[in-house]
PDB file of N, CA and C in Angstrom:
ATOM      1  N   UNK A   1     102.187  98.562  81.462  1.00  0.00           N
ATOM      2  CA  UNK A   1     103.128  98.308  82.513  1.00  0.00           C
ATOM      3  C   UNK A   1     102.828 100.436  82.801  1.00  0.00           C
ATOM      4  N   UNK A   2     102.801 101.078  81.320  1.00  0.00           N
ATOM      5  CA  UNK A   2     102.875 102.489  81.767  1.00  0.00           C
ATOM      6  C   UNK A   2     101.601 103.668  82.230  1.00  0.00           C
ATOM      7  N   UNK A   3     100.520 102.762  81.874  1.00  0.00           N
ATOM      8  CA  UNK A   3      99.079 102.687  83.620  1.00  0.00           C
ATOM      9  C   UNK A   3      99.424 102.611  84.160  1.00  0.00           C
ATOM     10  N   UNK A   4     100.336 101.118  84.371  1.00  0.00           N
ATOM     11  CA  UNK A   4     100.108 101.055  85.961  1.00  0.00           C
ATOM     12  C   UNK A   4     101.149 101.557  86.721  1.00  0.00           C
ATOM     13  N   UNK A   5     102.681 102.721  86.095  1.00  0.00           N
ATOM     14  CA  UNK A   5     102.743 103.013  86.090  1.00  0.00           C
ATOM     15  C   UNK A   5     102.055 104.725  87.267  1.00  0.00           C
ATOM     16  N   UNK A   6     101.533 105.013  86.330  1.00  0.00           N
ATOM     17  CA  UNK A   6     100.749 106.036  85.821  1.00  0.00           C
ATOM     18  C   UNK A   6     100.135 106.693  87.221  1.00  0.00           C
ATOM     19  N   UNK A   7      99.174 105.178  87.357  1.00  0.00           N
ATOM     20  CA  UNK A   7      98.222 105.325  88.278  1.00  0.00           C
ATOM     21  C   UNK A   7      99.418 105.034  89.562  1.00  0.00           C
ATOM     22  N   UNK A   8     100.564 104.246  89.370  1.00  0.00           N
ATOM     23  CA  UNK A   8     101.007 104.647  90.776  1.00  0.00           C
ATOM     24  C   UNK A   8     101.830 105.206  91.188  1.00  0.00           C
ATOM     25  N   UNK A   9     102.740 106.334  90.627  1.00  0.00           N
ATOM     26  CA  UNK A   9     103.008 107.829  90.623  1.00  0.00           C
ATOM     27  C   UNK A   9     101.740 108.408  90.911  1.00  0.00           C
ATOM     28  N   UNK A  10     100.644 107.881  90.328  1.00  0.00           N
ATOM     29  CA  UNK A  10      99.830 109.341  90.940  1.00  0.00           C
ATOM     30  C   UNK A  10      99.766 109.727  92.148  1.00  0.00           C
ATOM     31  N   UNK A  11      99.590 108.203  93.363  1.00  0.00           N
ATOM     32  CA  UNK A  11      98.957 107.819  94.341  1.00  0.00           C
ATOM     33  C   UNK A  11      99.534 107.605  95.140  1.00  0.00           C
ATOM     34  N   UNK A  12     101.610 106.503  94.955  1.00  0.00           N
ATOM     35  CA  UNK A  12     102.270 106.862  96.389  1.00  0.00           C
ATOM     36  C   UNK A  12     102.997 108.174  95.079  1.00  0.00           C
ATOM     37  N   UNK A  13     103.105 109.243  95.898  1.00  0.00           N
ATOM     38  CA  UNK A  13     103.649 110.673  95.364  1.00  0.00           C
ATOM     39  C   UNK A  13     105.113 110.918  95.557  1.00  0.00           C
ATOM     40  N   UNK A  14     106.056 110.215  96.679  1.00  0.00           N
ATOM     41  CA  UNK A  14     106.805 109.996  96.882  1.00  0.00           C
ATOM     42  C   UNK A  14     107.523 109.994  97.669  1.00  0.00           C
ATOM     43  N   UNK A  15     108.944 109.075  98.184  1.00  0.00           N
ATOM     44  CA  UNK A  15     109.955 108.216  98.520  1.00  0.00           C
ATOM     45  C   UNK A  15     110.733 108.661 100.108  1.00  0.00           C
ATOM     46  N   UNK A  16     111.022 108.245 100.347  1.00  0.00           N
ATOM     47  CA  UNK A  16     112.067 109.402 100.728  1.00  0.00           C
ATOM     48  C   UNK A  16     113.319 107.097 101.889  1.00  0.00           C
ATOM     49  N   UNK A  17     114.505 107.343 101.796  1.00  0.00           N
ATOM     50  CA  UNK A  17     115.392 106.804 102.243  1.00  0.00           C
ATOM     51  C   UNK A  17     115.807 107.127 104.035  1.00  0.00           C
ATOM     52  N   UNK A  18     116.182 106.081 104.791  1.00  0.00           N
ATOM     53  CA  UNK A  18     116.380 106.500 106.257  1.00  0.00           C
ATOM     54  C   UNK A  18     117.467 105.470 106.203  1.00  0.00           C
ATOM     55  N   UNK A  19     118.731 106.478 106.619  1.00  0.00           N
ATOM     56  CA  UNK A  19     120.041 105.123 107.165  1.00  0.00           C
ATOM     57  C   UNK A  19     120.759 105.940 108.329  1.00  0.00           C
ATOM     58  N   UNK A  20     121.506 104.825 108.541  1.00  0.00           N
ATOM     59  CA  UNK A  20     122.707 106.236 109.207  1.00  0.00           C
ATOM     60  C   UNK A  20     123.924 106.542 108.717  1.00  0.00           C
ATOM     61  N   UNK A  21     124.138 106.713 107.876  1.00  0.00           N
ATOM     62  CA  UNK A  21     124.998 107.028 106.711  1.00  0.00           C
ATOM     63  C   UNK A  21     124.506 107.305 105.461  1.00  0.00           C
ATOM     64  N   UNK A  22     124.041 109.314 105.173  1.00  0.00           N
ATOM     65  CA  UNK A  22     123.636 109.630 104.320  1.00  0.00           C
ATOM     66  C   UNK A  22     124.749 109.347 103.595  1.00  0.00           C
ATOM     67  N   UNK A  23     125.564 109.781 102.960  1.00  0.00           N
ATOM     68  CA  UNK A  23     126.524 109.674 101.899  1.00  0.00           C
ATOM     69  C   UNK A  23     126.791 108.987 101.457  1.00  0.00           C
ATOM     70  N   UNK A  24     126.404 107.472 102.107  1.00  0.00           N
ATOM     71  CA  UNK A  24     126.964 105.884 102.399  1.00  0.00           C
ATOM     72  C   UNK A  24     125.579 105.468 101.280  1.00  0.00           C
ATOM     73  N   UNK A  25     124.940 106.092 102.269  1.00  0.00           N
ATOM     74  CA  UNK A  25     123.431 105.755 101.526  1.00  0.00           C
ATOM     75  C   UNK A  25     123.324 105.506  99.432  1.00  0.00           C
ATOM     76  N   UNK A  26     123.170 107.295  99.531  1.00  0.00           N
ATOM     77  CA  UNK A  26     123.752 108.427  97.655  1.00  0.00           C
ATOM     78  C   UNK A  26     125.437 106.677  97.907  1.00  0.00           C
ATOM     79  N   UNK A  27     125.994 107.467  98.112  1.00  0.00           N
ATOM     80  CA  UNK A  27     127.431 106.473  97.393  1.00  0.00           C
ATOM     81  C   UNK A  27     126.847 105.197  96.614  1.00  0.00           C
ATOM     82  N   UNK A  28     125.942 104.413  96.826  1.00  0.00           N
ATOM     83  CA  UNK A  28     124.944 102.942  97.163  1.00  0.00           C
ATOM     84  C   UNK A  28     124.332 103.131  96.005  1.00  0.00           C
ATOM     85  N   UNK A  29     123.780 104.446  95.979  1.00  0.00           N
ATOM     86  CA  UNK A  29     122.067 104.466  94.913  1.00  0.00           C
ATOM     87  C   UNK A  29     122.856 104.790  94.065  1.00  0.00           C
ATOM     88  N   UNK A  30     123.599 106.132  94.209  1.00  0.00           N
ATOM     89  CA  UNK A  30     124.714 106.155  92.332  1.00  0.00           C
ATOM     90  C   UNK A  30     125.511 105.434  92.507  1.00  0.00           C
ATOM     91  N   UNK A  31     126.860 104.731  93.088  1.00  0.00           N
ATOM     92  CA  UNK A  31     127.640 103.920  91.805  1.00  0.00           C
ATOM     93  C   UNK A  31     126.064 102.534  92.210  1.00  0.00           C
ATOM     94  N   UNK A  32     125.745 102.032  92.214  1.00  0.00           N
ATOM     95  CA  UNK A  32     124.942 100.954  92.332  1.00  0.00           C
ATOM     96  C   UNK A  32     123.985 100.007  91.793  1.00  0.00           C
ATOM     97  N   UNK A  33     123.764 101.787  91.771  1.00  0.00           N
ATOM     98  CA  UNK A  33     122.174 101.738  91.434  1.00  0.00           C
ATOM     99  C   UNK A  33     121.642 102.680  89.495  1.00  0.00           C
ATOM    100  N   UNK A  34     122.261 103.872  89.694  1.00  0.00           N
ATOM    101  CA  UNK A  34     122.281 104.738  88.676  1.00  0.00           C
ATOM    102  C   UNK A  34     122.083 105.664  89.034  1.00  0.00           C
ATOM    103  N   UNK A  35     121.584 105.863  90.360  1.00  0.00           N
ATOM    104  CA  UNK A  35     121.460 106.979  90.646  1.00  0.00           C
ATOM    105  C   UNK A  35     121.573 108.776  90.338  1.00  0.00           C
ATOM    106  N   UNK A  36     121.850 110.035  89.985  1.00  0.00           N
ATOM    107  CA  UNK A  36     122.219 111.554  90.074  1.00  0.00           C
ATOM    108  C   UNK A  36     122.164 111.937  91.522  1.00  0.00           C
ATOM    109  N   UNK A  37     122.417 112.362  92.039  1.00  0.00           N
ATOM    110  CA  UNK A  37     121.884 113.200  93.446  1.00  0.00           C
ATOM    111  C   UNK A  37     121.775 114.499  92.959  1.00  0.00           C
ATOM    112  N   UNK A  38     121.126 115.687  93.691  1.00  0.00           N
ATOM    113  CA  UNK A  38     120.555 117.149  94.170  1.00  0.00           C
ATOM    114  C   UNK A  38     120.558 117.082  95.272  1.00  0.00           C
ATOM    115  N   UNK A  39     120.499 118.660  96.238  1.00  0.00           N
ATOM    116  CA  UNK A  39     119.877 118.783  97.013  1.00  0.00           C
ATOM    117  C   UNK A  39     119.728 119.897  97.079  1.00  0.00           C
ATOM    118  N   UNK A  40     119.045 120.936  97.690  1.00  0.00           N
ATOM    119  CA  UNK A  40     117.829 121.350  98.047  1.00  0.00           C
ATOM    120  C   UNK A  40     117.704 122.091  99.283  1.00  0.00           C
ATOM    121  N   UNK A  41     118.339 123.605  98.895  1.00  0.00           N
ATOM    122  CA  UNK A  41     118.078 124.758 100.797  1.00  0.00           C
ATOM    123  C   UNK A  41     116.512 124.728 100.752  1.00  0.00           C
ATOM    124  N   UNK A  42     117.275 124.481 102.263  1.00  0.00           N
ATOM    125  CA  UNK A  42     116.292 124.485 103.245  1.00  0.00           C
ATOM    126  C   UNK A  42     116.138 124.913 104.486  1.00  0.00           C
ATOM    127  N   UNK A  43     116.674 125.987 104.170  1.00  0.00           N
ATOM    128  CA  UNK A  43     116.806 127.544 104.838  1.00  0.00           C
ATOM    129  C   UNK A  43     117.408 126.618 106.356  1.00  0.00           C
ATOM    130  N   UNK A  44     116.569 126.859 107.574  1.00  0.00           N
ATOM    131  CA  UNK A  44     117.750 126.438 108.724  1.00  0.00           C
ATOM    132  C   UNK A  44     117.523 125.412 108.986  1.00  0.00           C
ATOM    133  N   UNK A  45     116.638 124.720 108.597  1.00  0.00           N
ATOM    134  CA  UNK A  45     117.250 123.529 108.267  1.00  0.00           C
ATOM    135  C   UNK A  45     118.077 122.311 107.837  1.00  0.00           C
ATOM    136  N   UNK A  46     117.989 122.850 107.174  1.00  0.00           N
ATOM    137  CA  UNK A  46     119.913 122.524 105.969  1.00  0.00           C
ATOM    138  C   UNK A  46     119.585 121.923 104.711  1.00  0.00           C
ATOM    139  N   UNK A  47     120.315 121.458 103.815  1.00  0.00           N
ATOM    140  CA  UNK A  47     120.040 120.720 102.544  1.00  0.00           C
ATOM    141  C   UNK A  47     118.552 119.936 102.411  1.00  0.00           C
ATOM    142  N   UNK A  48     117.865 119.794 101.672  1.00  0.00           N
ATOM    143  CA  UNK A  48     117.865 117.908 101.762  1.00  0.00           C
ATOM    144  C   UNK A  48     117.380 117.146 100.003  1.00  0.00           C
ATOM    145  N   UNK A  49     118.601 115.950  99.719  1.00  0.00           N
ATOM    146  CA  UNK A  49     119.355 115.213  99.435  1.00  0.00           C
ATOM    147  C   UNK A  49     117.941 114.275  99.035  1.00  0.00           C
ATOM    148  N   UNK A  50     118.532 114.498  97.906  1.00  0.00           N
ATOM    149  CA  UNK A  50     117.430 113.889  97.169  1.00  0.00           C
ATOM    150  C   UNK A  50     118.409 112.297  95.577  1.00  0.00           C
ATOM    151  N   UNK A  51     117.537 111.814  95.365  1.00  0.00           N
ATOM    152  CA  UNK A  51     118.001 110.765  94.373  1.00  0.00           C
ATOM    153  C   UNK A  51     117.315 111.271  93.177  1.00  0.00           C
ATOM    154  N   UNK A  52     118.296 111.053  92.273  1.00  0.00           N
ATOM    155  CA  UNK A  52     117.711 112.150  90.743  1.00  0.00           C
ATOM    156  C   UNK A  52     117.835 110.632  90.103  1.00  0.00           C
ATOM    157  N   UNK A  53     116.453 110.527  89.048  1.00  0.00           N
ATOM    158  CA  UNK A  53     116.333 109.350  87.850  1.00  0.00           C
ATOM    159  C   UNK A  53     116.427 110.291  86.943  1.00  0.00           C
ATOM    160  N   UNK A  54     117.369 110.354  85.062  1.00  0.00           N
ATOM    161  CA  UNK A  54     117.152 111.770  84.527  1.00  0.00           C
ATOM    162  C   UNK A  54     116.603 112.455  84.711  1.00  0.00           C
ATOM    163  N   UNK A  55     117.875 113.253  85.733  1.00  0.00           N
ATOM    164  CA  UNK A  55     117.667 114.551  86.221  1.00  0.00           C
ATOM    165  C   UNK A  55     116.447 115.462  87.078  1.00  0.00           C
ATOM    166  N   UNK A  56     115.634 114.278  87.170  1.00  0.00           N
ATOM    167  CA  UNK A  56     114.816 114.503  88.031  1.00  0.00           C
ATOM    168  C   UNK A  56     114.781 114.007  89.835  1.00  0.00           C
ATOM    169  N   UNK A  57     114.270 114.805  90.040  1.00  0.00           N
ATOM    170  CA  UNK A  57     114.446 114.143  91.852  1.00  0.00           C
ATOM    171  C   UNK A  57     112.523 113.008  92.153  1.00  0.00           C
ATOM    172  N   UNK A  58     113.463 112.091  92.569  1.00  0.00           N
ATOM    173  CA  UNK A  58     112.389 110.486  92.898  1.00  0.00           C
ATOM    174  C   UNK A  58     112.201 110.482  94.169  1.00  0.00           C
ATOM    175  N   UNK A  59     113.245 111.070  95.308  1.00  0.00           N
ATOM    176  CA  UNK A  59     113.442 110.099  97.020  1.00  0.00           C
ATOM    177  C   UNK A  59     114.234 111.127  97.507  1.00  0.00           C
ATOM    178  N   UNK A  60     114.101 111.460  98.633  1.00  0.00           N
ATOM    179  CA  UNK A  60     114.889 112.068  98.988  1.00  0.00           C
ATOM    180  C   UNK A  60     115.515 110.919 100.253  1.00  0.00           C
ATOM    181  N   UNK A  61     116.509 112.045 100.265  1.00  0.00           N
ATOM    182  CA  UNK A  61     117.976 111.294 101.747  1.00  0.00           C
ATOM    183  C   UNK A  61     118.006 111.910 103.032  1.00  0.00           C
ATOM    184  N   UNK A  62     117.367 110.677 104.687  1.00  0.00           N
ATOM    185  CA  UNK A  62     117.616 110.999 105.684  1.00  0.00           C
ATOM    186  C   UNK A  62     118.883 110.461 105.997  1.00  0.00           C
ATOM    187  N   UNK A  63     119.113 110.916 106.647  1.00  0.00           N
ATOM    188  CA  UNK A  63     120.419 110.692 107.874  1.00  0.00           C
ATOM    189  C   UNK A  63     119.815 110.093 109.330  1.00  0.00           C
ATOM    190  N   UNK A  64     119.998 109.132 109.961  1.00  0.00           N
ATOM    191  CA  UNK A  64     119.454 109.006 111.593  1.00  0.00           C
ATOM    192  C   UNK A  64     121.322 108.972 111.911  1.00  0.00           C
ATOM    193  N   UNK A  65     121.447 109.646 112.140  1.00  0.00           N
ATOM    194  CA  UNK A  65     122.655 109.183 113.114  1.00  0.00           C
ATOM    195  C   UNK A  65     122.439 110.892 114.182  1.00  0.00           C
ATOM    196  N   UNK A  66     121.587 111.541 113.842  1.00  0.00           N
ATOM    197  CA  UNK A  66     121.181 112.452 114.900  1.00  0.00           C
ATOM    198  C   UNK A  66     120.374 112.039 115.827  1.00  0.00           C
ATOM    199  N   UNK A  67     121.324 112.697 116.982  1.00  0.00           N
ATOM    200  CA  UNK A  67     119.888 112.352 118.419  1.00  0.00           C
ATOM    201  C   UNK A  67     119.010 112.294 118.095  1.00  0.00           C
ATOM    202  N   UNK A  68     118.176 112.704 117.720  1.00  0.00           N
ATOM    203  CA  UNK A  68     116.607 113.037 118.171  1.00  0.00           C
ATOM    204  C   UNK A  68     116.450 111.973 116.397  1.00  0.00           C
ATOM    205  N   UNK A  69     117.152 111.154 115.852  1.00  0.00           N
ATOM    206  CA  UNK A  69     116.823 110.358 114.667  1.00  0.00           C
ATOM    207  C   UNK A  69     117.149 109.533 115.528  1.00  0.00           C
ATOM    208  N   UNK A  70     117.682 108.632 116.310  1.00  0.00           N
ATOM    209  CA  UNK A  70     118.682 107.625 117.288  1.00  0.00           C
ATOM    210  C   UNK A  70     117.201 106.443 117.490  1.00  0.00           C
ATOM    211  N   UNK A  71     116.532 106.495 117.389  1.00  0.00           N
ATOM    212  CA  UNK A  71     115.833 105.019 117.462  1.00  0.00           C
ATOM    213  C   UNK A  71     115.220 104.951 115.664  1.00  0.00           C
ATOM    214  N   UNK A  72     115.228 105.961 115.014  1.00  0.00           N
ATOM    215  CA  UNK A  72     114.297 106.010 113.536  1.00  0.00           C
ATOM    216  C   UNK A  72     115.398 104.500 112.789  1.00  0.00           C
ATOM    217  N   UNK A  73     115.345 103.324 112.478  1.00  0.00           N
ATOM    218  CA  UNK A  73     115.272 102.016 112.076  1.00  0.00           C
ATOM    219  C   UNK A  73     115.755 102.537 110.249  1.00  0.00           C
ATOM    220  N   UNK A  74     116.628 101.895 109.510  1.00  0.00           N
ATOM    221  CA  UNK A  74     116.873 101.978 108.657  1.00  0.00           C
ATOM    222  C   UNK A  74     115.630 101.128 107.407  1.00  0.00           C
ATOM    223  N   UNK A  75     114.789 102.830 106.304  1.00  0.00           N
ATOM    224  CA  UNK A  75     113.947 101.710 105.892  1.00  0.00           C
ATOM    225  C   UNK A  75     113.467 102.980 103.924  1.00  0.00           C
ATOM    226  N   UNK A  76     112.931 102.507 104.095  1.00  0.00           N
ATOM    227  CA  UNK A  76     112.504 103.338 103.100  1.00  0.00           C
ATOM    228  C   UNK A  76     111.148 103.817 103.649  1.00  0.00           C
ATOM    229  N   UNK A  77     110.516 105.071 103.237  1.00  0.00           N
ATOM    230  CA  UNK A  77     109.409 105.507 103.341  1.00  0.00           C
ATOM    231  C   UNK A  77     108.252 105.965 102.416  1.00  0.00           C
ATOM    232  N   UNK A  78     107.120 105.764 101.659  1.00  0.00           N
ATOM    233  CA  UNK A  78     106.630 106.421 100.576  1.00  0.00           C
ATOM    234  C   UNK A  78     104.849 106.887 101.428  1.00  0.00           C
ATOM    235  N   UNK A  79     105.336 107.886 101.001  1.00  0.00           N
ATOM    236  CA  UNK A  79     104.651 109.694 100.204  1.00  0.00           C
ATOM    237  C   UNK A  79     102.467 108.451  99.951  1.00  0.00           C
ATOM    238  N   UNK A  80     101.996 108.983 100.132  1.00  0.00           N
ATOM    239  CA  UNK A  80     100.569 108.077  99.707  1.00  0.00           C
ATOM    240  C   UNK A  80      99.739 109.686  99.681  1.00  0.00           C
ATOM    241  N   UNK A  81      99.036 109.839  97.814  1.00  0.00           N
ATOM    242  CA  UNK A  81      98.939 111.603  97.568  1.00  0.00           C
ATOM    243  C   UNK A  81      96.945 111.208  98.099  1.00  0.00           C
ATOM    244  N   UNK A  82      96.337 111.921  98.819  1.00  0.00           N
ATOM    245  CA  UNK A  82      95.245 112.344  99.800  1.00  0.00           C
ATOM    246  C   UNK A  82      94.370 113.740  99.213  1.00  0.00           C
ATOM    247  N   UNK A  83      93.934 113.635  99.432  1.00  0.00           N
ATOM    248  CA  UNK A  83      92.391 114.137  99.497  1.00  0.00           C
ATOM    249  C   UNK A  83      92.408 115.992 100.494  1.00  0.00           C
ATOM    250  N   UNK A  84      92.757 115.369 101.429  1.00  0.00           N
ATOM    251  CA  UNK A  84      92.469 116.096 102.293  1.00  0.00           C
ATOM    252  C   UNK A  84      93.754 115.409 103.737  1.00  0.00           C
ATOM    253  N   UNK A  85      94.678 115.484 104.054  1.00  0.00           N
ATOM    254  CA  UNK A  85      95.353 114.982 105.094  1.00  0.00           C
ATOM    255  C   UNK A  85      94.935 115.298 106.415  1.00  0.00           C
ATOM    256  N   UNK A  86      93.860 115.940 107.079  1.00  0.00           N
ATOM    257  CA  UNK A  86      93.215 116.127 108.159  1.00  0.00           C
ATOM    258  C   UNK A  86      92.486 115.335 107.748  1.00  0.00           C
ATOM    259  N   UNK A  87      91.137 115.495 106.984  1.00  0.00           N
ATOM    260  CA  UNK A  87      89.536 114.096 107.276  1.00  0.00           C
ATOM    261  C   UNK A  87      90.570 113.009 106.915  1.00  0.00           C
ATOM    262  N   UNK A  88      91.393 112.610 106.681  1.00  0.00           N
ATOM    263  CA  UNK A  88      92.229 111.407 105.971  1.00  0.00           C
ATOM    264  C   UNK A  88      92.987 110.507 107.875  1.00  0.00           C
ATOM    265  N   UNK A  89      93.240 111.641 107.847  1.00  0.00           N
ATOM    266  CA  UNK A  89      94.013 111.797 109.183  1.00  0.00           C
ATOM    267  C   UNK A  89      92.712 111.169 110.033  1.00  0.00           C
ATOM    268  N   UNK A  90      91.625 111.804 110.592  1.00  0.00           N
ATOM    269  CA  UNK A  90      91.037 111.558 111.265  1.00  0.00           C
ATOM    270  C   UNK A  90      90.051 110.391 111.448  1.00  0.00           C
ATOM    271  N   UNK A  91      89.505 109.563 110.346  1.00  0.00           N
ATOM    272  CA  UNK A  91      89.347 108.996 109.152  1.00  0.00           C
ATOM    273  C   UNK A  91      89.989 107.264 109.275  1.00  0.00           C
ATOM    274  N   UNK A  92      91.901 107.580 109.364  1.00  0.00           N
ATOM    275  CA  UNK A  92      92.650 106.336 109.584  1.00  0.00           C
ATOM    276  C   UNK A  92      92.375 106.352 110.931  1.00  0.00           C
ATOM    277  N   UNK A  93      92.369 107.192 112.225  1.00  0.00           N
ATOM    278  CA  UNK A  93      92.477 107.465 113.750  1.00  0.00           C
ATOM    279  C   UNK A  93      90.961 106.818 113.351  1.00  0.00           C
ATOM    280  N   UNK A  94      90.047 107.049 113.629  1.00  0.00           N
ATOM    281  CA  UNK A  94      88.596 106.227 114.011  1.00  0.00           C
ATOM    282  C   UNK A  94      88.840 105.100 113.668  1.00  0.00           C
ATOM    283  N   UNK A  95      89.970 104.485 112.411  1.00  0.00           N
ATOM    284  CA  UNK A  95      89.619 103.486 112.614  1.00  0.00           C
ATOM    285  C   UNK A  95      90.752 102.032 113.139  1.00  0.00           C
ATOM    286  N   UNK A  96      91.559 102.864 114.141  1.00  0.00           N
ATOM    287  CA  UNK A  96      92.612 102.196 115.130  1.00  0.00           C
ATOM    288  C   UNK A  96      93.933 102.576 114.132  1.00  0.00           C
ATOM    289  N   UNK A  97      94.335 103.521 113.396  1.00  0.00           N
ATOM    290  CA  UNK A  97      95.761 104.229 113.470  1.00  0.00           C
ATOM    291  C   UNK A  97      95.796 104.920 114.385  1.00  0.00           C
ATOM    292  N   UNK A  98      97.741 105.254 114.037  1.00  0.00           N
ATOM    293  CA  UNK A  98      97.858 106.062 115.276  1.00  0.00           C
ATOM    294  C   UNK A  98      98.864 107.141 114.231  1.00  0.00           C
ATOM    295  N   UNK A  99      98.501 107.732 115.274  1.00  0.00           N
ATOM    296  CA  UNK A  99      99.607 109.520 114.620  1.00  0.00           C
ATOM    297  C   UNK A  99     100.862 109.319 115.299  1.00  0.00           C
ATOM    298  N   UNK A 100     101.595 109.072 114.574  1.00  0.00           N
ATOM    299  CA  UNK A 100     103.165 109.199 114.460  1.00  0.00           C
ATOM    300  C   UNK A 100     104.004 110.494 114.957  1.00  0.00           C
ATOM    301  N   UNK A 101     104.059 111.657 113.138  1.00  0.00           N
ATOM    302  CA  UNK A 101     103.929 112.660 113.575  1.00  0.00           C
ATOM    303  C   UNK A 101     103.231 113.475 112.380  1.00  0.00           C
ATOM    304  N   UNK A 102     102.886 114.637 112.439  1.00  0.00           N
ATOM    305  CA  UNK A 102     102.446 116.030 112.021  1.00  0.00           C
ATOM    306  C   UNK A 102     100.977 116.052 112.642  1.00  0.00           C
ATOM    307  N   UNK A 103     100.396 116.484 111.979  1.00  0.00           N
ATOM    308  CA  UNK A 103     100.420 116.768 110.802  1.00  0.00           C
ATOM    309  C   UNK A 103     100.516 118.223 110.980  1.00  0.00           C
ATOM    310  N   UNK A 104     101.556 118.239 109.059  1.00  0.00           N
ATOM    311  CA  UNK A 104     102.042 119.336 109.403  1.00  0.00           C
ATOM    312  C   UNK A 104     102.678 119.858 108.004  1.00  0.00           C
ATOM    313  N   UNK A 105     102.863 121.199 107.780  1.00  0.00           N
ATOM    314  CA  UNK A 105     103.298 121.654 106.594  1.00  0.00           C
ATOM    315  C   UNK A 105     103.983 122.058 105.958  1.00  0.00           C
ATOM    316  N   UNK A 106     104.655 122.193 105.177  1.00  0.00           N
ATOM    317  CA  UNK A 106     106.110 122.584 104.457  1.00  0.00           C
ATOM    318  C   UNK A 106     105.930 123.522 103.388  1.00  0.00           C
ATOM    319  N   UNK A 107     106.983 123.625 103.800  1.00  0.00           N
ATOM    320  CA  UNK A 107     106.009 125.224 102.750  1.00  0.00           C
ATOM    321  C   UNK A 107     106.885 125.046 100.947  1.00  0.00           C
ATOM    322  N   UNK A 108     105.682 125.405 100.585  1.00  0.00           N
ATOM    323  CA  UNK A 108     105.920 125.833  98.805  1.00  0.00           C
ATOM    324  C   UNK A 108     106.191 123.993  98.833  1.00  0.00           C
ATOM    325  N   UNK A 109     105.342 123.077  99.710  1.00  0.00           N
ATOM    326  CA  UNK A 109     105.670 121.331  99.212  1.00  0.00           C
ATOM    327  C   UNK A 109     104.204 120.970  99.146  1.00  0.00           C
ATOM    328  N   UNK A 110     104.204 121.289 100.616  1.00  0.00           N
ATOM    329  CA  UNK A 110     102.704 121.014 101.264  1.00  0.00           C
ATOM    330  C   UNK A 110     102.597 120.483 102.596  1.00  0.00           C
ATOM    331  N   UNK A 111     101.625 119.418 103.087  1.00  0.00           N
ATOM    332  CA  UNK A 111     100.366 118.992 103.962  1.00  0.00           C
ATOM    333  C   UNK A 111     101.414 117.378 104.505  1.00  0.00           C
ATOM    334  N   UNK A 112     100.990 117.741 105.700  1.00  0.00           N
ATOM    335  CA  UNK A 112     101.852 115.701 105.802  1.00  0.00           C
ATOM    336  C   UNK A 112     101.415 115.572 106.748  1.00  0.00           C
ATOM    337  N   UNK A 113     101.641 114.102 106.888  1.00  0.00           N
ATOM    338  CA  UNK A 113     101.204 112.989 108.426  1.00  0.00           C
ATOM    339  C   UNK A 113     101.836 111.985 108.288  1.00  0.00           C
ATOM    340  N   UNK A 114     102.533 111.060 108.978  1.00  0.00           N
ATOM    341  CA  UNK A 114     102.735 110.287 109.242  1.00  0.00           C
ATOM    342  C   UNK A 114     102.403 109.800 110.556  1.00  0.00           C
ATOM    343  N   UNK A 115     101.251 108.431 109.827  1.00  0.00           N
ATOM    344  CA  UNK A 115     100.528 107.129 110.345  1.00  0.00           C
ATOM    345  C   UNK A 115     101.339 105.613 110.467  1.00  0.00           C
ATOM    346  N   UNK A 116     100.149 105.223 111.674  1.00  0.00           N
ATOM    347  CA  UNK A 116     101.231 103.567 111.944  1.00  0.00           C
ATOM    348  C   UNK A 116      99.112 103.100 111.253  1.00  0.00           C
ATOM    349  N   UNK A 117      99.708 101.904 110.387  1.00  0.00           N
ATOM    350  CA  UNK A 117      97.711 101.625 109.987  1.00  0.00           C
ATOM    351  C   UNK A 117      97.895 100.558 111.944  1.00  0.00           C
ATOM    352  N   UNK A 118      96.353  99.815 110.671  1.00  0.00           N
ATOM    353  CA  UNK A 118      96.475  98.786 112.814  1.00  0.00           C
ATOM    354  C   UNK A 118      97.112  97.968 113.117  1.00  0.00           C
ATOM    355  N   UNK A 119      97.577  97.819 111.913  1.00  0.00           N
ATOM    356  CA  UNK A 119      99.064  96.389 111.112  1.00  0.00           C
ATOM    357  C   UNK A 119     100.057  96.280 111.754  1.00  0.00           C
ATOM    358  N   UNK A 120     100.605  98.273 111.863  1.00  0.00           N
ATOM    359  CA  UNK A 120     101.742  98.924 112.338  1.00  0.00           C
ATOM    360  C   UNK A 120     103.434  99.201 111.426  1.00  0.00           C
ATOM    361  N   UNK A 121     102.298  99.265 109.429  1.00  0.00           N
ATOM    362  CA  UNK A 121     102.977 100.027 108.708  1.00  0.00           C
ATOM    363  C   UNK A 121     103.355 101.083 109.114  1.00  0.00           C
ATOM    364  N   UNK A 122     103.939 102.318 108.440  1.00  0.00           N
ATOM    365  CA  UNK A 122     104.226 102.953 108.576  1.00  0.00           C
ATOM    366  C   UNK A 122     104.110 104.061 107.086  1.00  0.00           C
ATOM    367  N   UNK A 123     103.254 105.045 106.862  1.00  0.00           N
ATOM    368  CA  UNK A 123     103.230 105.243 105.087  1.00  0.00           C
ATOM    369  C   UNK A 123     101.885 107.390 105.622  1.00  0.00           C
ATOM    370  N   UNK A 124     103.216 108.269 104.836  1.00  0.00           N
ATOM    371  CA  UNK A 124     102.281 109.097 105.379  1.00  0.00           C
ATOM    372  C   UNK A 124     101.076 109.725 104.348  1.00  0.00           C
ATOM    373  N   UNK A 125     100.365 110.590 104.746  1.00  0.00           N
ATOM    374  CA  UNK A 125      99.825 111.290 104.121  1.00  0.00           C
ATOM    375  C   UNK A 125     100.164 112.485 103.616  1.00  0.00           C
ATOM    376  N   UNK A 126      99.807 112.911 101.765  1.00  0.00           N
ATOM    377  CA  UNK A 126     100.610 114.369 101.912  1.00  0.00           C
ATOM    378  C   UNK A 126      99.098 114.604 100.613  1.00  0.00           C
ATOM    379  N   UNK A 127      99.591 115.935 101.194  1.00  0.00           N
ATOM    380  CA  UNK A 127      97.828 116.670  99.580  1.00  0.00           C
ATOM    381  C   UNK A 127      99.752 117.858  99.085  1.00  0.00           C
ATOM    382  N   UNK A 128      99.447 117.975  97.631  1.00  0.00           N
ATOM    383  CA  UNK A 128     101.446 118.635  97.582  1.00  0.00           C
ATOM    384  C   UNK A 128     100.388 119.906  97.874  1.00  0.00           C
ATOM    385  N   UNK A 129     101.589 121.514  97.641  1.00  0.00           N
ATOM    386  CA  UNK A 129     100.602 121.931  97.318  1.00  0.00           C
ATOM    387  C   UNK A 129      99.987 123.037  96.084  1.00  0.00           C
TER     388      UNK A 129
END
């Protein structure tokens, strides 16, 4: 299991949970499943809220109640580590995937793009800075 966890952790490198009530999400996961929480200042974008385990951030929390996110359903998102976001994006779209968001740079974090695979599932392609 430890080897499997290491391989998964190096492949699926980040997660986010999206829903219409960020504070409610944080309350649920901290009280029901013993996560901690912390915020990371992101300048004009506001604070990035995260759930933690053993004092380490393990996933982000997004509130979808804003007008620009009104059509985003509650869900978990996962980030897949890739060697080159743009090259992998080109390969994915050539095989029927659709670009949903990006590609974009997040300062001090990395480059990412959200795709929808040919079967309808969403996945973030990610290369850390």
